[in-house]
Amino acid sequence: MKLGHGAGTLNAWISSARPSFSEQDLVSALVDMTRSTTAADLSARDRDFWDKNSGIAADHAAVAIASAANAAARLVLDASALTAAEVAERMRMSASTIRHYKSARKLYSYLVNGKLAFPQWQFNDTGDKSIPSLEDVLGALPDDLHPQAVAGFFLTPQPDLVLNGMHVSAKSWLEAGGSKKVVVDLAEGLAAGY
């Protein structure tokens, strides 16, 4: 979401953008994000490596901006996620079947305030089916991968996935009928740490 034209305050932005989360939700996410803000100072060598490879300058302002963006991204992910009952209704199944699908890693979910949250990225546009080969790819990803990392894996264009001359995301690749093996191999590479 972009800051609306002329919306110089959070309240003005919320009023103009009408996001799916409240100001209180955002404050809660920011509080969670700032609970452990202490970090070790980097050596000159490590700072140089960070600056060249991270995409984020190691100064406090850049880290603060990246942290706020991270909190906002998590809030948007959480706010747009579906409950087991909502997924069951869309897929015309029982909520217990949906919870079984989660346990069998046929669908992806994580906990938000003690309740299962099913991110919408894993479903087709109408929300009544999961994306093709989701179960195979989820089976190759580490179980403990952070929800934002899982979303990033499925939604970020990958250099190894090319359709019509353009890099595409794993979701787009699978929905277009691309080989699941390529995406599973990428997931296994992520699980192996490279």
Protein backbone atom coordinates (compact mmCIF):
# COMPACT_ATOMS: atom_id res chain seq x y z
CA MET A 1 0.00 0.00 0.00
CA LYS A 2 1.22 3.45 -0.81
CA LEU A 3 0.91 6.46 1.41
CA GLY A 4 -1.97 8.47 0.02
CA HIS A 5 -1.26 11.87 -1.52
CA GLY A 6 -1.26 14.49 1.22
CA ALA A 7 -1.59 11.90 4.01
CA GLY A 8 1.21 13.09 6.27
CA THR A 9 0.05 11.31 9.42
CA LEU A 10 -0.87 7.74 10.24
CA ASN A 11 -4.47 8.74 11.00
CA ALA A 12 -4.78 10.56 7.67
CA TRP A 13 -3.35 7.59 5.81
CA ILE A 14 -5.69 5.11 7.55
CA SER A 15 -8.64 7.36 6.72
CA SER A 16 -7.70 7.61 3.04
CA ALA A 17 -6.34 4.08 2.41
CA ARG A 18 -8.86 2.18 4.55
CA PRO A 19 -6.56 -0.81 5.13
CA SER A 20 -7.89 -4.12 6.45
CA PHE A 21 -6.23 -3.47 9.81
CA SER A 22 -6.76 -0.85 12.49
CA GLU A 23 -4.40 1.69 14.00
CA GLN A 24 -4.36 -0.50 17.13
CA ASP A 25 -3.30 -3.51 15.05
CA LEU A 26 -0.41 -1.49 13.62
CA VAL A 27 0.65 -0.24 17.05
CA SER A 28 0.56 -3.81 18.37
CA ALA A 29 2.75 -5.02 15.48
CA LEU A 30 5.21 -2.17 16.07
CA VAL A 31 5.37 -2.96 19.79
CA ASP A 32 6.08 -6.63 19.01
CA MET A 33 8.74 -5.61 16.51
CA THR A 34 10.56 -3.34 18.95
CA ARG A 35 10.61 -5.67 21.95
CA SER A 36 14.16 -6.80 21.20
CA THR A 37 15.92 -3.97 19.47
CA THR A 38 19.38 -4.56 20.86
CA ALA A 39 21.87 -5.83 18.34
CA ALA A 40 25.59 -6.36 18.41
CA ASP A 41 27.72 -3.74 16.68
CA LEU A 42 29.23 -5.07 13.48
CA SER A 43 32.95 -5.13 12.91
CA ALA A 44 34.20 -2.93 10.03
CA ARG A 45 34.59 -6.04 7.85
CA ASP A 46 31.09 -7.31 8.66
CA ARG A 47 29.56 -3.83 8.19
CA ASP A 48 31.21 -3.62 4.75
CA PHE A 49 29.80 -7.06 3.85
CA TRP A 50 26.36 -6.00 5.14
CA ASP A 51 26.42 -2.77 3.13
CA LYS A 52 27.44 -4.54 -0.08
CA ASN A 53 25.07 -7.51 0.15
CA SER A 54 22.01 -6.83 2.29
CA GLY A 55 20.33 -4.09 0.32
CA ILE A 56 19.89 -2.18 3.57
CA ALA A 57 22.42 0.34 4.87
CA ALA A 58 23.59 -0.54 8.37
CA ASP A 59 22.76 2.88 9.80
CA HIS A 60 20.03 3.19 12.44
CA ALA A 61 17.60 5.14 10.21
CA ALA A 62 17.74 2.54 7.42
CA VAL A 63 17.32 -0.31 9.88
CA ALA A 64 14.36 1.49 11.50
CA ILE A 65 12.69 2.00 8.11
CA ALA A 66 13.26 -1.64 7.17
CA SER A 67 11.89 -2.77 10.55
CA ALA A 68 8.77 -0.65 10.15
CA ALA A 69 8.26 -1.99 6.63
CA ASN A 70 8.66 -5.53 7.96
CA ALA A 71 6.08 -4.92 10.71
CA ALA A 72 3.64 -3.43 8.21
CA ALA A 73 4.14 -6.36 5.79
CA ARG A 74 3.45 -8.86 8.59
CA LEU A 75 0.37 -6.92 9.62
CA VAL A 76 -0.98 -6.93 6.06
CA LEU A 77 -0.25 -10.67 5.75
CA ASP A 78 -2.04 -11.40 9.04
CA ALA A 79 -4.99 -9.10 8.31
CA SER A 80 -5.65 -10.66 4.91
CA ALA A 81 -5.37 -14.28 6.10
CA LEU A 82 -8.43 -16.50 6.31
CA THR A 83 -9.72 -18.60 9.20
CA ALA A 84 -10.23 -22.35 8.87
CA ALA A 85 -13.99 -21.74 8.70
CA GLU A 86 -13.58 -19.20 5.87
CA VAL A 87 -11.35 -21.58 3.91
CA ALA A 88 -13.81 -24.41 4.51
CA GLU A 89 -16.68 -22.30 3.19
CA ARG A 90 -14.75 -21.24 0.08
CA MET A 91 -13.52 -24.76 -0.66
CA ARG A 92 -16.87 -26.35 0.26
CA MET A 93 -15.33 -28.61 2.89
CA SER A 94 -15.67 -28.97 6.63
CA ALA A 95 -13.43 -26.95 8.95
CA SER A 96 -12.07 -30.22 10.35
CA THR A 97 -11.02 -31.28 6.83
CA ILE A 98 -9.24 -27.94 6.40
CA ARG A 99 -7.42 -28.45 9.73
CA HIS A 100 -6.46 -31.96 8.54
CA TYR A 101 -5.14 -30.44 5.29
CA LYS A 102 -3.04 -28.07 7.40
CA SER A 103 -1.63 -30.96 9.45
CA ALA A 104 -0.84 -32.93 6.28
CA ARG A 105 0.78 -29.79 4.75
CA LYS A 106 -1.73 -29.72 1.91
CA LEU A 107 -2.49 -26.14 2.97
CA TYR A 108 -0.25 -23.64 4.73
CA SER A 109 -1.21 -21.85 7.92
CA TYR A 110 0.41 -20.27 10.94
CA LEU A 111 -0.84 -19.00 14.29
CA VAL A 112 -2.08 -15.45 14.88
CA ASN A 113 -3.24 -14.81 18.43
CA GLY A 114 -3.60 -18.55 18.98
CA LYS A 115 -5.76 -19.14 15.89
CA LEU A 116 -4.88 -20.67 12.53
CA ALA A 117 -4.37 -18.12 9.76
CA PHE A 118 -4.40 -19.31 6.13
CA PRO A 119 -2.71 -16.76 3.84
CA GLN A 120 -4.67 -15.99 0.68
CA TRP A 121 -1.65 -16.31 -1.65
CA GLN A 122 -2.02 -20.11 -1.61
CA PHE A 123 -5.44 -20.04 -3.26
CA ASN A 124 -6.63 -19.34 -6.80
CA ASP A 125 -8.39 -16.05 -7.56
CA THR A 126 -11.80 -17.34 -6.51
CA GLY A 127 -10.38 -18.93 -3.37
CA ASP A 128 -12.04 -22.29 -3.90
CA LYS A 129 -8.85 -24.25 -4.74
CA SER A 130 -5.24 -24.22 -3.65
CA ILE A 131 -2.59 -23.44 -6.23
CA PRO A 132 -1.36 -26.48 -8.20
CA SER A 133 1.31 -28.64 -6.51
CA LEU A 134 1.10 -26.65 -3.25
CA GLU A 135 1.39 -29.81 -1.15
CA ASP A 136 4.58 -30.91 -2.96
CA VAL A 137 6.25 -27.52 -2.52
CA LEU A 138 5.17 -27.15 1.13
CA GLY A 139 6.61 -30.61 1.78
CA ALA A 140 10.00 -29.41 0.53
CA LEU A 141 10.06 -26.18 2.56
CA PRO A 142 11.32 -26.18 6.16
CA ASP A 143 8.42 -26.52 8.66
CA ASP A 144 9.76 -23.66 10.79
CA LEU A 145 10.11 -21.11 8.00
CA HIS A 146 8.68 -17.72 9.03
CA PRO A 147 5.27 -16.95 7.45
CA GLN A 148 6.70 -13.91 5.63
CA ALA A 149 9.51 -16.05 4.21
CA VAL A 150 6.99 -18.62 2.97
CA ALA A 151 4.90 -15.86 1.37
CA GLY A 152 8.05 -14.35 -0.13
CA PHE A 153 9.05 -17.71 -1.58
CA PHE A 154 5.70 -18.08 -3.36
CA LEU A 155 5.20 -14.43 -4.36
CA THR A 156 8.64 -13.10 -5.31
CA PRO A 157 9.76 -13.43 -8.95
CA GLN A 158 12.56 -16.00 -9.20
CA PRO A 159 15.43 -15.94 -11.71
CA ASP A 160 14.90 -19.67 -12.40
CA LEU A 161 11.23 -19.23 -13.29
CA VAL A 162 10.72 -17.53 -16.64
CA LEU A 163 7.45 -17.22 -18.56
CA ASN A 164 7.24 -15.22 -21.78
CA GLY A 165 10.69 -13.77 -21.12
CA MET A 166 9.82 -12.50 -17.64
CA HIS A 167 10.83 -13.74 -14.20
CA VAL A 168 7.75 -14.90 -12.32
CA SER A 169 6.87 -16.07 -8.83
CA ALA A 170 6.43 -19.71 -7.85
CA LYS A 171 2.68 -19.08 -7.54
CA SER A 172 2.45 -17.64 -11.07
CA TRP A 173 4.65 -20.42 -12.43
CA LEU A 174 2.54 -23.18 -10.92
CA GLU A 175 -0.75 -21.53 -11.90
CA ALA A 176 0.50 -21.27 -15.50
CA GLY A 177 1.19 -25.02 -15.55
CA GLY A 178 4.95 -24.80 -15.05
CA SER A 179 6.86 -27.84 -13.83
CA LYS A 180 6.43 -28.44 -10.12
CA LYS A 181 9.88 -30.07 -10.03
CA VAL A 182 11.60 -26.73 -10.65
CA VAL A 183 9.74 -25.11 -7.73
CA VAL A 184 10.27 -28.13 -5.46
CA ASP A 185 14.00 -27.97 -6.30
CA LEU A 186 14.02 -24.26 -5.32
CA ALA A 187 12.23 -25.11 -2.06
CA GLU A 188 14.72 -27.91 -1.32
CA GLY A 189 17.57 -25.47 -2.02
CA LEU A 190 16.07 -23.06 0.47
CA ALA A 191 15.73 -25.86 3.02
CA ALA A 192 19.38 -26.78 2.45
CA GLY A 193 20.42 -23.19 3.09
CA TYR A 194 21.38 -21.94 -0.37
